[in-house]
Every structure is written in C-alpha cells, then in structure tokens.
Protein backbone atom coordinates (compact mmCIF):
# COMPACT_ATOMS: atom_id res chain seq x y z
CA UNK A 1 -9.84 27.21 -18.72
CA UNK A 2 -6.14 26.87 -17.99
CA UNK A 3 -5.46 27.51 -14.29
CA UNK A 4 -2.15 28.68 -12.91
CA UNK A 5 -2.43 26.08 -10.12
CA UNK A 6 -4.72 23.15 -9.35
CA UNK A 7 -4.60 21.76 -5.82
CA UNK A 8 -5.82 18.20 -5.27
CA UNK A 9 -7.27 18.08 -1.76
CA UNK A 10 -8.97 20.77 0.32
CA UNK A 11 -8.03 19.57 3.77
CA UNK A 12 -5.65 21.43 6.04
CA UNK A 13 -2.80 21.20 3.49
CA UNK A 14 -4.78 22.42 0.48
CA UNK A 15 -6.48 25.21 2.42
CA UNK A 16 -3.14 26.44 3.81
CA UNK A 17 -1.71 26.63 0.30
CA UNK A 18 -4.89 28.34 -0.90
CA UNK A 19 -4.28 31.07 1.68
CA UNK A 20 -0.88 31.86 0.12
CA UNK A 21 -2.01 31.44 -3.49
CA UNK A 22 -4.76 33.98 -2.82
CA UNK A 23 -2.10 36.44 -1.71
CA UNK A 24 -0.14 35.77 -4.91
CA UNK A 25 -3.22 36.67 -6.98
CA UNK A 26 -3.00 33.66 -9.28
CA UNK A 27 -5.83 31.65 -10.81
CA UNK A 28 -6.25 28.45 -8.80
CA UNK A 29 -8.81 25.89 -7.72
CA UNK A 30 -8.91 23.35 -4.89
CA UNK A 31 -10.49 20.01 -5.83
CA UNK A 32 -11.82 17.75 -3.08
CA UNK A 33 -13.73 14.46 -3.14
CA UNK A 34 -15.69 15.27 0.03
CA UNK A 35 -19.21 16.65 0.11
CA UNK A 36 -18.18 19.33 2.63
CA UNK A 37 -14.98 20.95 3.84
CA UNK A 38 -13.67 19.26 6.97
CA UNK A 39 -15.54 16.04 6.23
CA UNK A 40 -12.59 13.75 6.99
CA UNK A 41 -12.38 15.18 10.51
CA UNK A 42 -16.11 14.94 11.14
CA UNK A 43 -16.14 11.26 10.17
CA UNK A 44 -13.56 10.22 12.76
CA UNK A 45 -14.41 8.62 16.10
CA UNK A 46 -16.78 10.60 18.31
CA UNK A 47 -14.50 11.17 21.31
CA UNK A 48 -11.42 12.24 19.33
CA UNK A 49 -9.52 15.18 20.76
CA UNK A 50 -6.24 16.49 19.47
CA UNK A 51 -3.21 16.01 21.72
CA UNK A 52 -1.90 19.37 20.50
CA UNK A 53 -3.55 22.45 22.08
CA UNK A 54 -5.28 25.17 20.05
CA UNK A 55 -2.12 27.27 20.24
CA UNK A 56 -0.42 24.72 17.96
CA UNK A 57 -3.43 23.61 15.91
CA UNK A 58 -4.17 26.60 13.69
CA UNK A 59 -3.52 27.33 10.02
CA UNK A 60 -1.88 30.52 8.69
CA UNK A 61 -3.84 33.72 9.16
CA UNK A 62 -6.63 32.45 11.44
CA UNK A 63 -6.29 31.23 15.01
CA UNK A 64 -8.62 28.68 16.54
CA UNK A 65 -10.99 30.45 18.91
CA UNK A 66 -11.16 29.37 22.53
CA UNK A 67 -8.61 28.66 25.25
CA UNK A 68 -5.18 28.50 23.52
CA UNK A 69 -4.07 25.86 26.02
CA UNK A 70 -7.18 23.72 25.60
CA UNK A 71 -7.46 20.66 23.36
CA UNK A 72 -9.93 20.91 20.46
CA UNK A 73 -12.37 18.12 19.57
CA UNK A 74 -12.60 16.76 16.03
CA UNK A 75 -15.87 18.57 15.15
CA UNK A 76 -14.31 21.85 16.25
CA UNK A 77 -11.51 21.28 13.75
CA UNK A 78 -14.02 20.42 11.03
CA UNK A 79 -15.95 23.65 11.72
CA UNK A 80 -12.69 25.60 11.79
CA UNK A 81 -11.63 24.36 8.34
CA UNK A 82 -15.00 25.36 6.90
CA UNK A 83 -14.69 28.77 8.52
CA UNK A 84 -11.15 29.08 7.16
CA UNK A 85 -12.25 28.49 3.57
CA UNK A 86 -15.04 31.06 3.93
CA UNK A 87 -12.87 33.63 5.73
CA UNK A 88 -10.42 33.80 2.84
CA UNK A 89 -12.94 33.05 0.04
CA UNK A 90 -10.93 30.08 -1.18
CA UNK A 91 -12.23 28.52 -4.42
CA UNK A 92 -13.11 24.89 -3.64
CA UNK A 93 -14.83 22.40 -5.94
CA UNK A 94 -16.36 19.65 -3.77
CA UNK A 95 -17.51 16.19 -4.82
CA UNK A 96 -14.63 16.00 -7.30
CA UNK A 97 -12.77 12.70 -7.49
CA UNK A 98 -9.52 12.87 -9.44
CA UNK A 99 -9.02 9.59 -11.29
CA UNK A 100 -5.94 10.53 -13.31
CA UNK A 101 -3.16 13.11 -13.33
CA UNK A 102 -1.07 13.24 -16.49
CA UNK A 103 1.06 15.66 -18.49
CA UNK A 104 0.23 17.03 -21.92
CA UNK A 105 3.30 18.95 -23.04
CA UNK A 106 3.82 21.78 -20.54
CA UNK A 107 0.27 21.41 -19.24
CA UNK A 108 -1.11 19.16 -16.50
CA UNK A 109 -4.40 17.37 -17.15
CA UNK A 110 -6.66 16.12 -14.35
CA UNK A 111 -9.41 13.65 -15.24
CA UNK A 112 -12.26 13.75 -12.72
CA UNK A 113 -15.89 12.72 -12.30
CA UNK A 114 -16.72 16.39 -12.96
CA UNK A 115 -14.83 16.61 -16.24
CA UNK A 116 -11.30 17.57 -17.22
CA UNK A 117 -9.20 20.31 -15.60
CA UNK A 118 -5.96 21.80 -16.93
CA UNK A 119 -3.27 23.82 -15.23
CA UNK A 120 0.31 25.02 -15.48
CA UNK A 121 1.15 23.60 -12.05
CA UNK A 122 -0.34 20.96 -9.73
CA UNK A 123 -0.05 20.35 -6.01
CA UNK A 124 -0.97 16.93 -4.63
CA UNK A 125 -2.34 17.69 -1.14
CA UNK A 126 -4.28 14.49 -0.52
CA UNK A 127 -2.69 13.93 2.90
CA UNK A 128 -1.31 10.76 4.51
CA UNK A 129 -4.67 9.14 5.34
CA UNK A 130 -5.58 7.43 2.07
CA UNK A 131 -5.96 3.63 2.11
CA UNK A 132 -6.46 1.79 5.43
CA UNK A 133 -3.47 -0.43 6.13
CA UNK A 134 -4.90 -3.78 7.29
CA UNK A 135 -2.78 -6.96 7.51
CA UNK A 136 -3.46 -9.70 4.96
CA UNK A 137 -4.16 -12.27 7.67
CA UNK A 138 -7.32 -10.36 8.66
CA UNK A 139 -9.17 -12.30 5.94
CA UNK A 140 -8.74 -15.53 7.94
CA UNK A 141 -11.00 -14.24 10.73
CA UNK A 142 -14.58 -15.48 10.90
CA UNK A 143 -17.38 -13.30 9.59
CA UNK A 144 -18.74 -13.41 13.16
CA UNK A 145 -15.80 -11.24 14.27
CA UNK A 146 -16.55 -7.54 13.82
CA UNK A 147 -13.54 -5.91 12.16
CA UNK A 148 -13.22 -2.13 11.93
CA UNK A 149 -10.33 0.04 10.86
CA UNK A 150 -9.80 2.97 13.23
CA UNK A 151 -11.14 5.25 10.47
CA UNK A 152 -14.47 3.36 10.67
CA UNK A 153 -14.72 3.25 14.47
CA UNK A 154 -17.12 5.79 16.01
CA UNK A 155 -17.93 4.65 19.57
CA UNK A 156 -18.36 1.50 21.70
CA UNK A 157 -22.04 1.19 20.68
CA UNK A 158 -20.87 -0.22 17.33
CA UNK A 159 -19.29 -3.23 18.99
CA UNK A 160 -20.63 -6.70 19.69
CA UNK A 161 -20.64 -7.99 23.26
CA UNK A 162 -17.40 -9.76 24.08
CA UNK A 163 -13.64 -9.35 23.97
CA UNK A 164 -12.10 -6.56 21.89
CA UNK A 165 -8.56 -6.47 20.52
CA UNK A 166 -7.10 -3.17 19.35
CA UNK A 167 -4.09 -3.65 17.08
CA UNK A 168 -1.74 -0.69 16.97
CA UNK A 169 -0.74 1.58 19.83
CA UNK A 170 -0.33 5.01 18.33
CA UNK A 171 -2.25 7.82 19.99
CA UNK A 172 -5.48 6.93 18.15
CA UNK A 173 -5.26 3.23 19.04
CA UNK A 174 -4.51 4.12 22.65
CA UNK A 175 -7.44 6.52 22.93
CA UNK A 176 -9.81 3.98 21.38
CA UNK A 177 -8.60 1.18 23.68
CA UNK A 178 -9.05 3.36 26.77
CA UNK A 179 -12.58 4.30 25.71
CA UNK A 180 -13.62 0.70 25.01
CA UNK A 181 -12.12 -0.54 28.30
CA UNK A 182 -15.07 1.02 30.15
CA UNK A 183 -17.41 -1.34 28.27
CA UNK A 184 -15.48 -4.48 27.20
CA UNK A 185 -12.50 -6.67 28.02
CA UNK A 186 -9.72 -5.12 25.94
CA UNK A 187 -6.36 -6.31 24.68
CA UNK A 188 -3.96 -3.87 23.04
CA UNK A 189 -1.46 -5.32 20.56
CA UNK A 190 1.75 -3.34 20.11
CA UNK A 191 4.82 -3.78 17.94
CA UNK A 192 7.03 -1.96 20.45
CA UNK A 193 6.93 -1.00 24.11
CA UNK A 194 4.76 2.13 24.53
CA UNK A 195 6.64 5.26 25.53
CA UNK A 196 4.57 7.73 27.54
CA UNK A 197 4.90 11.50 27.82
CA UNK A 198 2.77 13.93 29.82
CA UNK A 199 0.25 15.96 27.88
CA UNK A 200 0.88 18.90 30.21
CA UNK A 201 3.92 19.81 32.26
CA UNK A 202 4.13 22.66 34.75
CA UNK A 203 0.76 24.03 33.64
CA UNK A 204 1.83 24.14 29.98
CA UNK A 205 1.24 21.75 27.10
CA UNK A 206 4.21 19.50 26.38
CA UNK A 207 4.15 21.04 22.90
CA UNK A 208 4.79 24.46 24.45
CA UNK A 209 7.98 22.98 25.88
CA UNK A 210 8.82 21.29 22.57
CA UNK A 211 8.48 24.67 20.87
CA UNK A 212 10.74 26.38 23.40
CA UNK A 213 13.35 23.66 22.91
CA UNK A 214 13.19 24.02 19.13
CA UNK A 215 11.93 20.44 18.63
CA UNK A 216 8.83 21.46 16.64
CA UNK A 217 10.99 23.12 14.00
CA UNK A 218 13.68 20.40 13.84
CA UNK A 219 13.78 19.47 10.15
CA UNK A 220 14.22 16.10 8.53
CA UNK A 221 17.85 16.82 7.57
CA UNK A 222 18.97 17.79 11.08
CA UNK A 223 20.44 15.37 13.64
CA UNK A 224 17.62 16.14 16.07
CA UNK A 225 15.00 15.65 13.36
CA UNK A 226 16.49 12.31 12.32
CA UNK A 227 16.62 11.16 15.94
CA UNK A 228 12.93 12.02 16.46
CA UNK A 229 11.91 10.43 13.17
CA UNK A 230 13.65 7.14 13.97
CA UNK A 231 11.72 6.70 17.23
CA UNK A 232 8.07 5.60 17.46
CA UNK A 233 5.71 8.40 18.44
CA UNK A 234 5.15 8.63 22.19
CA UNK A 235 1.71 8.24 23.76
CA UNK A 236 0.66 11.63 25.14
CA UNK A 237 -1.11 11.47 28.49
CA UNK A 238 -1.24 8.68 31.05
CA UNK A 239 -4.76 7.23 30.62
CA UNK A 240 -3.47 4.14 28.83
CA UNK A 241 -0.65 3.67 31.34
CA UNK A 242 -3.16 3.72 34.21
CA UNK A 243 -5.41 1.20 32.46
CA UNK A 244 -2.46 -1.12 31.89
CA UNK A 245 -1.48 -0.80 35.56
CA UNK A 246 -4.94 -1.59 36.94
CA UNK A 247 -5.66 -4.39 34.47
CA UNK A 248 -8.34 -2.50 32.56
CA UNK A 249 -6.37 -3.17 29.38
CA UNK A 250 -4.04 -6.11 28.79
CA UNK A 251 -0.97 -5.57 26.65
CA UNK A 252 -0.04 -8.03 23.91
CA UNK A 253 2.91 -8.08 21.49
CA UNK A 254 2.58 -7.74 17.72
CA UNK A 255 -0.34 -9.61 16.12
CA UNK A 256 1.03 -12.07 13.56
CA UNK A 257 -1.83 -14.34 12.41
CA UNK A 258 -5.51 -15.12 12.74
CA UNK A 259 -7.84 -18.07 12.36
CA UNK A 260 -11.62 -18.19 12.78
CA UNK A 261 -12.26 -16.21 15.99
CA UNK A 262 -8.69 -16.31 17.30
CA UNK A 263 -5.76 -13.98 16.87
CA UNK A 264 -2.17 -15.01 17.58
CA UNK A 265 0.60 -12.77 18.81
CA UNK A 266 4.38 -12.78 18.49
CA UNK A 267 4.79 -14.60 21.83
CA UNK A 268 2.53 -17.39 20.46
CA UNK A 269 -0.29 -16.48 22.86
CA UNK A 270 -3.84 -16.59 21.48
CA UNK A 271 -6.95 -14.54 22.27
CA UNK A 272 -10.50 -15.35 21.23
CA UNK A 273 -11.89 -12.13 19.84
CA UNK A 274 -15.35 -10.74 19.09
CA UNK A 275 -14.33 -7.23 18.00
CA UNK A 276 -11.11 -6.22 16.31
CA UNK A 277 -10.07 -2.61 15.75
CA UNK A 278 -7.23 -2.19 13.28
CA UNK A 279 -5.46 1.00 14.36
CA UNK A 280 -2.68 0.19 11.92
CA UNK A 281 -2.45 3.42 9.97
CA UNK A 282 -2.75 4.06 6.26
CA UNK A 283 -0.99 3.45 2.97
CA UNK A 284 -0.32 6.15 0.43
CA UNK A 285 -1.99 5.55 -2.95
CA UNK A 286 -0.68 7.37 -6.00
CA UNK A 287 -1.77 4.84 -8.63
CA UNK A 288 -3.79 7.61 -10.32
CA UNK A 289 -0.68 9.73 -11.00
CA UNK A 290 0.61 8.74 -14.43
CA UNK A 291 4.01 10.42 -14.13
CA UNK A 292 6.26 7.54 -12.98
CA UNK A 293 9.50 9.54 -12.93
CA UNK A 294 8.54 11.20 -9.64
CA UNK A 295 8.35 7.97 -7.61
CA UNK A 296 11.06 5.84 -6.02
CA UNK A 297 11.17 2.04 -5.93
CA UNK A 298 8.75 2.02 -2.96
CA UNK A 299 6.20 4.11 -4.85
CA UNK A 300 6.84 7.19 -2.73
CA UNK A 301 7.31 10.66 -4.26
CA UNK A 302 10.87 11.90 -4.77
CA UNK A 303 10.96 15.47 -3.56
CA UNK A 304 12.82 18.14 -1.65
CA UNK A 305 10.39 19.70 0.80
CA UNK A 306 7.53 18.97 -1.61
CA UNK A 307 9.28 20.11 -4.78
CA UNK A 308 9.66 17.27 -7.30
CA UNK A 309 12.09 16.93 -10.19
CA UNK A 310 9.23 17.57 -12.64
CA UNK A 311 8.66 21.28 -13.23
CA UNK A 312 5.34 22.45 -11.81
CA UNK A 313 4.51 19.32 -9.78
CA UNK A 314 4.50 19.50 -5.99
CA UNK A 315 3.38 17.55 -2.91
CA UNK A 316 2.07 18.98 0.35
CA UNK A 317 1.06 17.46 3.68
CA UNK A 318 3.35 14.43 3.56
CA UNK A 319 4.58 12.92 6.86
CA UNK A 320 7.98 14.45 7.61
CA UNK A 321 7.85 16.49 4.41
CA UNK A 322 10.18 18.82 6.28
CA UNK A 323 9.38 18.63 10.01
CA UNK A 324 7.51 16.20 12.25
CA UNK A 325 4.32 18.25 11.99
CA UNK A 326 4.32 18.58 8.19
CA UNK A 327 1.24 16.36 7.89
CA UNK A 328 -0.47 18.02 10.87
CA UNK A 329 -2.27 21.29 11.50
CA UNK A 330 0.71 22.59 13.47
CA UNK A 331 3.26 22.29 10.67
CA UNK A 332 1.61 22.23 7.27
CA UNK A 333 1.32 26.02 7.01
CA UNK A 334 5.09 26.57 6.89
CA UNK A 335 5.45 24.03 4.08
CA UNK A 336 2.56 25.65 2.20
CA UNK A 337 4.26 29.05 2.41
CA UNK A 338 7.51 27.50 1.17
CA UNK A 339 5.81 25.89 -1.86
CA UNK A 340 3.99 29.08 -2.75
CA UNK A 341 7.37 30.83 -2.92
CA UNK A 342 8.85 28.04 -5.08
CA UNK A 343 6.16 28.27 -7.74
CA UNK A 344 7.33 30.23 -10.73
CA UNK A 345 4.16 31.94 -11.90
C-alpha cells in the first residue's frame, strides 16, 4: 500500500499531526517503536511532574482533565496520550522500529522490523530525546560506581549507599538532586550559575504570565525568541535553591574528568563518588535517514519550521522548531497544524 503520509513516532508530536491529518481525510499511519502509546513518559523517573500546568500541557482538540492550574505527573501524561489516540481513532502501528528511510523516485521507503512501508510524504516526529548524551570520560570511572543517565533513573532506591553526584542542572537534574538529597549526600555539577524563577506568581502559573506577555509564542526568528534561546533554561520553583542554602545539596562547577571513584570539576576540586546521575540531555540520531542533502555540517536537519528542501519530507517536535515549546506538549500542536497545511496532498 502507498500511504499519503507516514509519520515516524507516535509521541506528542506524531499524535498532534495525526489529529490534523485525520481532518484532512488522507491515508496515513503512525509508526512507533514502543509497545504502548505514552511509553516514553511512563518510563521516566517516578516523581516527575511537569513544570507547566495542565492549562499549557494539552494537545489540539482534547484538554487534560483536572485542575487547569495543577501540575500533571508523568503517568497522567502517558494515560492522556493513550486516551488521545483512542479519542480520535488515530492509526498507530506499535513495536515498529524504523531502520532506514530512503527515497525511491517520488516515493519514500521505510525499512522496519515489521517490513517495508511506502508513502508519498514522510514526517520524522521522533522527538529530541534519542541518544543519551554522556561524556566520554565516564568510561574512566570504576565499575563500583553506579552510573545512570537521567532517563534510567527511577527513584533513590536504585542507588548505592554513599555520595551521589548529579551532573547537569536543567529542571530534570534539579528535581532528581532535590529528591536524592533526602537520602544521600548530594553534589550538583553545573556548567553555569542556576537561574531561578517561581513556578507560581500571584496565584497563577508563571506560564500564565508568559502567555499574557507573548513569550510563549515568541518565534525563533524574533528578537525576543533569540534572546530566550540564547539563555540557559531557568529552574522553575525554589526547592533546589533552598537545598543549596541549607547545605542539603552542594554546588560544583562543570565536571571535566574522572578516574576510578573520583570525579574532577573545573575548579580542580575532586569528589569521591558512589552514584553518578548524568542529567546531561540527549543527542539527536538521524543515521538511519539516507537522504544526506537535508542535513547541515553538524548533522542537524535543514528546515524552515519543519519543512525541508526535499519535497514531501518534514520534521516535527524539534527543539525550537519555531517557538521554545516546539518540542513540548504546550507548543507542538501549532507546528503540527502548520505542517498539515504545508503538505500538498
């Protein structure tokens, strides 16, 4: 069968696009490597809560149930995505790993563990969380040091007794460090001084204020958007700040090397470590896409709001694809609607 559109990935990006493709009445299929919809959310650490409230955490056409000003937990998001796919009867093929995307004339060919799929157009909606980004020097640590990427961390019960170092102070790294501080001595390694913002202000989420100020819709080409993009993300909430003030967590500069059970930081200080959580983000991996003309010298897709220079090939859910929230629940829907309009079917 030749589909009008194949979508690689059935997370929040793929499902959002599916919502609009359904309205366009085209033949399409969402392919996902997971065994269930929402699996990537369910596998994240147990205590994870979004720092965006439900009001700003929904996909097109279906609001999250519950208090709009409340903050949803990760399993709630997983359940919501499953409900979303069922609500709109979106065609999803699970357990499908795409190993190759190539072109055959005007047709796209996807090689998968479930056979070959062909379509007139393809959308890569695999999201930004692909390969864990772990520094090379991690291999010099002793096998007696427990190393986990943040995507593998679940709760403090996984950890060995002894000192824990969390490397990376985004919102995930901060939340994990705060949680572990109740059970272990914790050091938090940061590449820049943390910048804190309240999660709520005047009885409203800070994102409510961002929306009123137009910051949520500031696009990548605007002066405001460029200013936001060039600054590290702030830490929302003050739990980490309080732990740093009372000594519950000790701050360290950037980690630069490791040896045996020791890790060294940029100021040449050394900590003996028993547990190390790498909250160092992810790398994009497009090695399976055999259409080199769409990538720049850094291996990143060349696109304009997800539209590439190759007819019929699109990306969705990239960080800053158009706005800050393009890779998040709050912003991916607008990009999905835009792509659906760009497709010439």
